[in-house]
Amino acid sequence: MPNIEINRDWCKGCYICVDVCPRKVLEIDQTTFQKGRHPVLVAHLEDCTVCRQCELLCPDLAIVVSDNSKGEVG
């Protein structure tokens, strides 16, 4: 099963990751408001295909995707 770690202190809420995810795994956390923004959260981990688009395009390097079933780390 994949694992997605989001460093909420680094996330500036640009939502690029939300937009690029083909499976809509990530969502905006409407319940949390910190540092003047809503951070991103993992909403549908079971749908993740480990394409790593969110990790690759995050301008703040706030996302790390790993595939625990294969022992790979992104």
PDB file of N, CA and C in Angstrom:
ATOM      1  N   MET A   1       0.845  -1.181   0.000  1.00  0.00           N
ATOM      2  CA  MET A   1       0.000   0.000   0.000  1.00  0.00           C
ATOM      3  C   MET A   1       0.889   1.242   0.000  1.00  0.00           C
ATOM      4  N   PRO A   2       0.520   2.232  -0.755  1.00  0.00           N
ATOM      5  CA  PRO A   2       1.313   3.465  -0.803  1.00  0.00           C
ATOM      6  C   PRO A   2       1.239   4.245   0.502  1.00  0.00           C
ATOM      7  N   ASN A   3       2.198   5.110   0.668  1.00  0.00           N
ATOM      8  CA  ASN A   3       2.207   6.017   1.806  1.00  0.00           C
ATOM      9  C   ASN A   3       2.516   7.416   1.272  1.00  0.00           C
ATOM     10  N   ILE A   4       1.744   8.397   1.724  1.00  0.00           N
ATOM     11  CA  ILE A   4       1.966   9.781   1.319  1.00  0.00           C
ATOM     12  C   ILE A   4       2.148  10.611   2.578  1.00  0.00           C
ATOM     13  N   GLU A   5       3.303  11.227   2.694  1.00  0.00           N
ATOM     14  CA  GLU A   5       3.576  12.101   3.829  1.00  0.00           C
ATOM     15  C   GLU A   5       3.553  13.543   3.350  1.00  0.00           C
ATOM     16  N   ILE A   6       2.783  14.367   4.048  1.00  0.00           N
ATOM     17  CA  ILE A   6       2.713  15.789   3.725  1.00  0.00           C
ATOM     18  C   ILE A   6       3.213  16.575   4.924  1.00  0.00           C
ATOM     19  N   ASN A   7       4.266  17.346   4.714  1.00  0.00           N
ATOM     20  CA  ASN A   7       4.777  18.215   5.768  1.00  0.00           C
ATOM     21  C   ASN A   7       3.899  19.469   5.774  1.00  0.00           C
ATOM     22  N   ARG A   8       2.959  19.512   6.701  1.00  0.00           N
ATOM     23  CA  ARG A   8       1.983  20.596   6.735  1.00  0.00           C
ATOM     24  C   ARG A   8       2.618  21.931   7.112  1.00  0.00           C
ATOM     25  N   ASP A   9       3.802  21.905   7.704  1.00  0.00           N
ATOM     26  CA  ASP A   9       4.501  23.157   8.002  1.00  0.00           C
ATOM     27  C   ASP A   9       5.113  23.759   6.739  1.00  0.00           C
ATOM     28  N   TRP A  10       5.455  22.916   5.785  1.00  0.00           N
ATOM     29  CA  TRP A  10       6.045  23.390   4.533  1.00  0.00           C
ATOM     30  C   TRP A  10       4.996  23.702   3.479  1.00  0.00           C
ATOM     31  N   CYS A  11       3.855  23.035   3.549  1.00  0.00           N
ATOM     32  CA  CYS A  11       2.790  23.221   2.555  1.00  0.00           C
ATOM     33  C   CYS A  11       2.251  24.641   2.641  1.00  0.00           C
ATOM     34  N   LYS A  12       2.302  25.359   1.504  1.00  0.00           N
ATOM     35  CA  LYS A  12       1.807  26.732   1.501  1.00  0.00           C
ATOM     36  C   LYS A  12       0.396  26.832   0.932  1.00  0.00           C
ATOM     37  N   GLY A  13      -0.191  25.698   0.602  1.00  0.00           N
ATOM     38  CA  GLY A  13      -1.561  25.697   0.112  1.00  0.00           C
ATOM     39  C   GLY A  13      -1.709  26.177  -1.313  1.00  0.00           C
ATOM     40  N   CYS A  14      -0.773  25.836  -2.184  1.00  0.00           N
ATOM     41  CA  CYS A  14      -0.881  26.240  -3.595  1.00  0.00           C
ATOM     42  C   CYS A  14      -1.821  25.309  -4.362  1.00  0.00           C
ATOM     43  N   TYR A  15      -2.013  24.093  -3.847  1.00  0.00           N
ATOM     44  CA  TYR A  15      -2.943  23.091  -4.377  1.00  0.00           C
ATOM     45  C   TYR A  15      -2.565  22.540  -5.746  1.00  0.00           C
ATOM     46  N   ILE A  16      -1.319  22.713  -6.143  1.00  0.00           N
ATOM     47  CA  ILE A  16      -0.855  22.098  -7.386  1.00  0.00           C
ATOM     48  C   ILE A  16      -1.032  20.584  -7.296  1.00  0.00           C
ATOM     49  N   CYS A  17      -0.699  20.020  -6.158  1.00  0.00           N
ATOM     50  CA  CYS A  17      -0.799  18.572  -5.970  1.00  0.00           C
ATOM     51  C   CYS A  17      -2.238  18.083  -6.122  1.00  0.00           C
ATOM     52  N   VAL A  18      -3.172  18.851  -5.613  1.00  0.00           N
ATOM     53  CA  VAL A  18      -4.591  18.495  -5.722  1.00  0.00           C
ATOM     54  C   VAL A  18      -5.002  18.485  -7.188  1.00  0.00           C
ATOM     55  N   ASP A  19      -4.548  19.472  -7.925  1.00  0.00           N
ATOM     56  CA  ASP A  19      -4.917  19.602  -9.337  1.00  0.00           C
ATOM     57  C   ASP A  19      -4.288  18.534 -10.229  1.00  0.00           C
ATOM     58  N   VAL A  20      -3.045  18.120  -9.932  1.00  0.00           N
ATOM     59  CA  VAL A  20      -2.350  17.187 -10.824  1.00  0.00           C
ATOM     60  C   VAL A  20      -2.634  15.719 -10.532  1.00  0.00           C
ATOM     61  N   CYS A  21      -3.196  15.419  -9.394  1.00  0.00           N
ATOM     62  CA  CYS A  21      -3.444  14.015  -9.046  1.00  0.00           C
ATOM     63  C   CYS A  21      -4.541  13.433  -9.943  1.00  0.00           C
ATOM     64  N   PRO A  22      -4.201  12.423 -10.751  1.00  0.00           N
ATOM     65  CA  PRO A  22      -5.198  11.855 -11.665  1.00  0.00           C
ATOM     66  C   PRO A  22      -6.296  11.071 -10.954  1.00  0.00           C
ATOM     67  N   ARG A  23      -6.041  10.648  -9.715  1.00  0.00           N
ATOM     68  CA  ARG A  23      -7.017   9.848  -8.968  1.00  0.00           C
ATOM     69  C   ARG A  23      -7.706  10.632  -7.855  1.00  0.00           C
ATOM     70  N   LYS A  24      -7.381  11.925  -7.730  1.00  0.00           N
ATOM     71  CA  LYS A  24      -7.992  12.807  -6.718  1.00  0.00           C
ATOM     72  C   LYS A  24      -7.804  12.259  -5.300  1.00  0.00           C
ATOM     73  N   VAL A  25      -6.573  11.854  -5.021  1.00  0.00           N
ATOM     74  CA  VAL A  25      -6.218  11.309  -3.710  1.00  0.00           C
ATOM     75  C   VAL A  25      -6.120  12.412  -2.657  1.00  0.00           C
ATOM     76  N   LEU A  26      -5.663  13.589  -3.066  1.00  0.00           N
ATOM     77  CA  LEU A  26      -5.451  14.698  -2.140  1.00  0.00           C
ATOM     78  C   LEU A  26      -6.599  15.695  -2.201  1.00  0.00           C
ATOM     79  N   GLU A  27      -6.873  16.301  -1.047  1.00  0.00           N
ATOM     80  CA  GLU A  27      -7.920  17.318  -0.963  1.00  0.00           C
ATOM     81  C   GLU A  27      -7.448  18.465  -0.081  1.00  0.00           C
ATOM     82  N   ILE A  28      -8.118  19.581  -0.198  1.00  0.00           N
ATOM     83  CA  ILE A  28      -7.857  20.734   0.655  1.00  0.00           C
ATOM     84  C   ILE A  28      -8.505  20.473   2.009  1.00  0.00           C
ATOM     85  N   ASP A  29      -7.756  20.685   3.074  1.00  0.00           N
ATOM     86  CA  ASP A  29      -8.269  20.492   4.430  1.00  0.00           C
ATOM     87  C   ASP A  29      -9.037  21.738   4.850  1.00  0.00           C
ATOM     88  N   GLN A  30     -10.334  21.711   4.674  1.00  0.00           N
ATOM     89  CA  GLN A  30     -11.171  22.864   5.004  1.00  0.00           C
ATOM     90  C   GLN A  30     -11.344  23.054   6.510  1.00  0.00           C
ATOM     91  N   THR A  31     -11.006  22.034   7.301  1.00  0.00           N
ATOM     92  CA  THR A  31     -11.184  22.138   8.750  1.00  0.00           C
ATOM     93  C   THR A  31      -9.987  22.766   9.450  1.00  0.00           C
ATOM     94  N   THR A  32      -8.853  22.850   8.762  1.00  0.00           N
ATOM     95  CA  THR A  32      -7.645  23.417   9.356  1.00  0.00           C
ATOM     96  C   THR A  32      -7.265  24.692   8.620  1.00  0.00           C
ATOM     97  N   PHE A  33      -6.951  25.709   9.388  1.00  0.00           N
ATOM     98  CA  PHE A  33      -6.497  26.975   8.808  1.00  0.00           C
ATOM     99  C   PHE A  33      -5.280  27.399   9.596  1.00  0.00           C
ATOM    100  N   GLN A  34      -4.118  27.309   8.972  1.00  0.00           N
ATOM    101  CA  GLN A  34      -2.882  27.668   9.663  1.00  0.00           C
ATOM    102  C   GLN A  34      -2.023  28.538   8.763  1.00  0.00           C
ATOM    103  N   LYS A  35      -1.397  29.487   9.345  1.00  0.00           N
ATOM    104  CA  LYS A  35      -0.515  30.409   8.625  1.00  0.00           C
ATOM    105  C   LYS A  35      -1.221  31.054   7.433  1.00  0.00           C
ATOM    106  N   GLY A  36      -2.509  31.326   7.580  1.00  0.00           N
ATOM    107  CA  GLY A  36      -3.255  31.998   6.531  1.00  0.00           C
ATOM    108  C   GLY A  36      -3.621  31.133   5.340  1.00  0.00           C
ATOM    109  N   ARG A  37      -3.616  29.816   5.520  1.00  0.00           N
ATOM    110  CA  ARG A  37      -3.936  28.926   4.403  1.00  0.00           C
ATOM    111  C   ARG A  37      -4.531  27.611   4.900  1.00  0.00           C
ATOM    112  N   HIS A  38      -5.147  26.910   3.980  1.00  0.00           N
ATOM    113  CA  HIS A  38      -5.646  25.563   4.244  1.00  0.00           C
ATOM    114  C   HIS A  38      -4.641  24.573   3.663  1.00  0.00           C
ATOM    115  N   PRO A  39      -4.030  23.733   4.491  1.00  0.00           N
ATOM    116  CA  PRO A  39      -3.091  22.744   3.961  1.00  0.00           C
ATOM    117  C   PRO A  39      -3.833  21.612   3.237  1.00  0.00           C
ATOM    118  N   VAL A  40      -3.065  20.739   2.636  1.00  0.00           N
ATOM    119  CA  VAL A  40      -3.601  19.598   1.896  1.00  0.00           C
ATOM    120  C   VAL A  40      -3.600  18.372   2.797  1.00  0.00           C
ATOM    121  N   LEU A  41      -4.543  17.472   2.551  1.00  0.00           N
ATOM    122  CA  LEU A  41      -4.566  16.215   3.292  1.00  0.00           C
ATOM    123  C   LEU A  41      -4.784  15.052   2.334  1.00  0.00           C
ATOM    124  N   VAL A  42      -4.408  13.864   2.797  1.00  0.00           N
ATOM    125  CA  VAL A  42      -4.608  12.646   2.022  1.00  0.00           C
ATOM    126  C   VAL A  42      -6.016  12.152   2.325  1.00  0.00           C
ATOM    127  N   ALA A  43      -6.892  12.194   1.319  1.00  0.00           N
ATOM    128  CA  ALA A  43      -8.293  11.845   1.529  1.00  0.00           C
ATOM    129  C   ALA A  43      -8.653  10.446   1.032  1.00  0.00           C
ATOM    130  N   HIS A  44      -7.944   9.967   0.008  1.00  0.00           N
ATOM    131  CA  HIS A  44      -8.300   8.681  -0.610  1.00  0.00           C
ATOM    132  C   HIS A  44      -7.041   7.883  -0.935  1.00  0.00           C
ATOM    133  N   LEU A  45      -6.301   7.518   0.094  1.00  0.00           N
ATOM    134  CA  LEU A  45      -5.027   6.815  -0.091  1.00  0.00           C
ATOM    135  C   LEU A  45      -5.197   5.531  -0.895  1.00  0.00           C
ATOM    136  N   GLU A  46      -6.303   4.850  -0.706  1.00  0.00           N
ATOM    137  CA  GLU A  46      -6.537   3.581  -1.399  1.00  0.00           C
ATOM    138  C   GLU A  46      -6.585   3.738  -2.924  1.00  0.00           C
ATOM    139  N   ASP A  47      -6.794   4.954  -3.407  1.00  0.00           N
ATOM    140  CA  ASP A  47      -6.849   5.206  -4.849  1.00  0.00           C
ATOM    141  C   ASP A  47      -5.496   5.593  -5.451  1.00  0.00           C
ATOM    142  N   CYS A  48      -4.487   5.768  -4.618  1.00  0.00           N
ATOM    143  CA  CYS A  48      -3.171   6.212  -5.088  1.00  0.00           C
ATOM    144  C   CYS A  48      -2.497   5.128  -5.932  1.00  0.00           C
ATOM    145  N   THR A  49      -1.973   5.532  -7.086  1.00  0.00           N
ATOM    146  CA  THR A  49      -1.249   4.618  -7.971  1.00  0.00           C
ATOM    147  C   THR A  49       0.262   4.840  -7.908  1.00  0.00           C
ATOM    148  N   VAL A  50       0.712   5.677  -6.996  1.00  0.00           N
ATOM    149  CA  VAL A  50       2.122   5.997  -6.791  1.00  0.00           C
ATOM    150  C   VAL A  50       2.742   6.593  -8.059  1.00  0.00           C
ATOM    151  N   CYS A  51       1.999   7.433  -8.747  1.00  0.00           N
ATOM    152  CA  CYS A  51       2.540   8.105  -9.937  1.00  0.00           C
ATOM    153  C   CYS A  51       3.521   9.216  -9.547  1.00  0.00           C
ATOM    154  N   ARG A  52       3.421   9.683  -8.314  1.00  0.00           N
ATOM    155  CA  ARG A  52       4.323  10.679  -7.727  1.00  0.00           C
ATOM    156  C   ARG A  52       4.235  12.066  -8.362  1.00  0.00           C
ATOM    157  N   GLN A  53       3.191  12.339  -9.103  1.00  0.00           N
ATOM    158  CA  GLN A  53       3.049  13.667  -9.698  1.00  0.00           C
ATOM    159  C   GLN A  53       2.965  14.737  -8.614  1.00  0.00           C
ATOM    160  N   CYS A  54       2.264  14.444  -7.531  1.00  0.00           N
ATOM    161  CA  CYS A  54       2.147  15.413  -6.436  1.00  0.00           C
ATOM    162  C   CYS A  54       3.517  15.731  -5.847  1.00  0.00           C
ATOM    163  N   GLU A  55       4.315  14.694  -5.628  1.00  0.00           N
ATOM    164  CA  GLU A  55       5.655  14.855  -5.061  1.00  0.00           C
ATOM    165  C   GLU A  55       6.573  15.619  -6.017  1.00  0.00           C
ATOM    166  N   LEU A  56       6.541  15.260  -7.285  1.00  0.00           N
ATOM    167  CA  LEU A  56       7.429  15.870  -8.272  1.00  0.00           C
ATOM    168  C   LEU A  56       7.118  17.336  -8.539  1.00  0.00           C
ATOM    169  N   LEU A  57       5.849  17.712  -8.459  1.00  0.00           N
ATOM    170  CA  LEU A  57       5.457  19.075  -8.803  1.00  0.00           C
ATOM    171  C   LEU A  57       5.280  19.997  -7.603  1.00  0.00           C
ATOM    172  N   CYS A  58       5.416  19.485  -6.402  1.00  0.00           N
ATOM    173  CA  CYS A  58       5.285  20.329  -5.208  1.00  0.00           C
ATOM    174  C   CYS A  58       6.467  21.305  -5.148  1.00  0.00           C
ATOM    175  N   PRO A  59       6.202  22.609  -5.243  1.00  0.00           N
ATOM    176  CA  PRO A  59       7.294  23.581  -5.245  1.00  0.00           C
ATOM    177  C   PRO A  59       7.992  23.715  -3.895  1.00  0.00           C
ATOM    178  N   ASP A  60       7.364  23.210  -2.839  1.00  0.00           N
ATOM    179  CA  ASP A  60       7.936  23.337  -1.499  1.00  0.00           C
ATOM    180  C   ASP A  60       8.529  22.039  -0.968  1.00  0.00           C
ATOM    181  N   LEU A  61       8.544  20.993  -1.803  1.00  0.00           N
ATOM    182  CA  LEU A  61       9.078  19.681  -1.405  1.00  0.00           C
ATOM    183  C   LEU A  61       8.406  19.164  -0.137  1.00  0.00           C
ATOM    184  N   ALA A  62       7.119  19.442  -0.017  1.00  0.00           N
ATOM    185  CA  ALA A  62       6.369  19.095   1.188  1.00  0.00           C
ATOM    186  C   ALA A  62       5.743  17.705   1.126  1.00  0.00           C
ATOM    187  N   ILE A  63       5.887  17.010  -0.004  1.00  0.00           N
ATOM    188  CA  ILE A  63       5.234  15.712  -0.182  1.00  0.00           C
ATOM    189  C   ILE A  63       6.271  14.641  -0.487  1.00  0.00           C
ATOM    190  N   VAL A  64       6.142  13.511   0.214  1.00  0.00           N
ATOM    191  CA  VAL A  64       6.970  12.341  -0.058  1.00  0.00           C
ATOM    192  C   VAL A  64       6.028  11.160  -0.253  1.00  0.00           C
ATOM    193  N   VAL A  65       6.158  10.499  -1.398  1.00  0.00           N
ATOM    194  CA  VAL A  65       5.329   9.339  -1.716  1.00  0.00           C
ATOM    195  C   VAL A  65       6.221   8.109  -1.717  1.00  0.00           C
ATOM    196  N   SER A  66       5.770   7.056  -1.059  1.00  0.00           N
ATOM    197  CA  SER A  66       6.514   5.798  -1.072  1.00  0.00           C
ATOM    198  C   SER A  66       5.548   4.652  -1.319  1.00  0.00           C
ATOM    199  N   ASP A  67       6.082   3.594  -1.881  1.00  0.00           N
ATOM    200  CA  ASP A  67       5.291   2.400  -2.153  1.00  0.00           C
ATOM    201  C   ASP A  67       5.813   1.301  -1.240  1.00  0.00           C
ATOM    202  N   ASN A  68       5.174   1.137  -0.108  1.00  0.00           N
ATOM    203  CA  ASN A  68       5.644   0.184   0.895  1.00  0.00           C
ATOM    204  C   ASN A  68       5.587  -1.259   0.416  1.00  0.00           C
ATOM    205  N   SER A  69       4.724  -1.548  -0.551  1.00  0.00           N
ATOM    206  CA  SER A  69       4.625  -2.920  -1.036  1.00  0.00           C
ATOM    207  C   SER A  69       5.847  -3.326  -1.854  1.00  0.00           C
ATOM    208  N   LYS A  70       6.565  -2.349  -2.394  1.00  0.00           N
ATOM    209  CA  LYS A  70       7.751  -2.636  -3.195  1.00  0.00           C
ATOM    210  C   LYS A  70       9.036  -2.212  -2.497  1.00  0.00           C
ATOM    211  N   GLY A  71       8.918  -1.566  -1.351  1.00  0.00           N
ATOM    212  CA  GLY A  71      10.093  -1.118  -0.633  1.00  0.00           C
ATOM    213  C   GLY A  71      10.767   0.080  -1.250  1.00  0.00           C
ATOM    214  N   GLU A  72      10.057   0.788  -2.135  1.00  0.00           N
ATOM    215  CA  GLU A  72      10.629   1.955  -2.802  1.00  0.00           C
ATOM    216  C   GLU A  72      10.303   3.217  -2.029  1.00  0.00           C
ATOM    217  N   VAL A  73      11.204   4.177  -2.110  1.00  0.00           N
ATOM    218  CA  VAL A  73      10.964   5.479  -1.501  1.00  0.00           C
ATOM    219  C   VAL A  73      11.176   6.522  -2.573  1.00  0.00           C
ATOM    220  N   GLY A  74      10.220   7.476  -2.657  1.00  0.00           N
ATOM    221  CA  GLY A  74      10.306   8.526  -3.680  1.00  0.00           C
ATOM    222  C   GLY A  74      11.112   9.608  -3.223  1.00  0.00           C
TER     223      GLY A  74
END
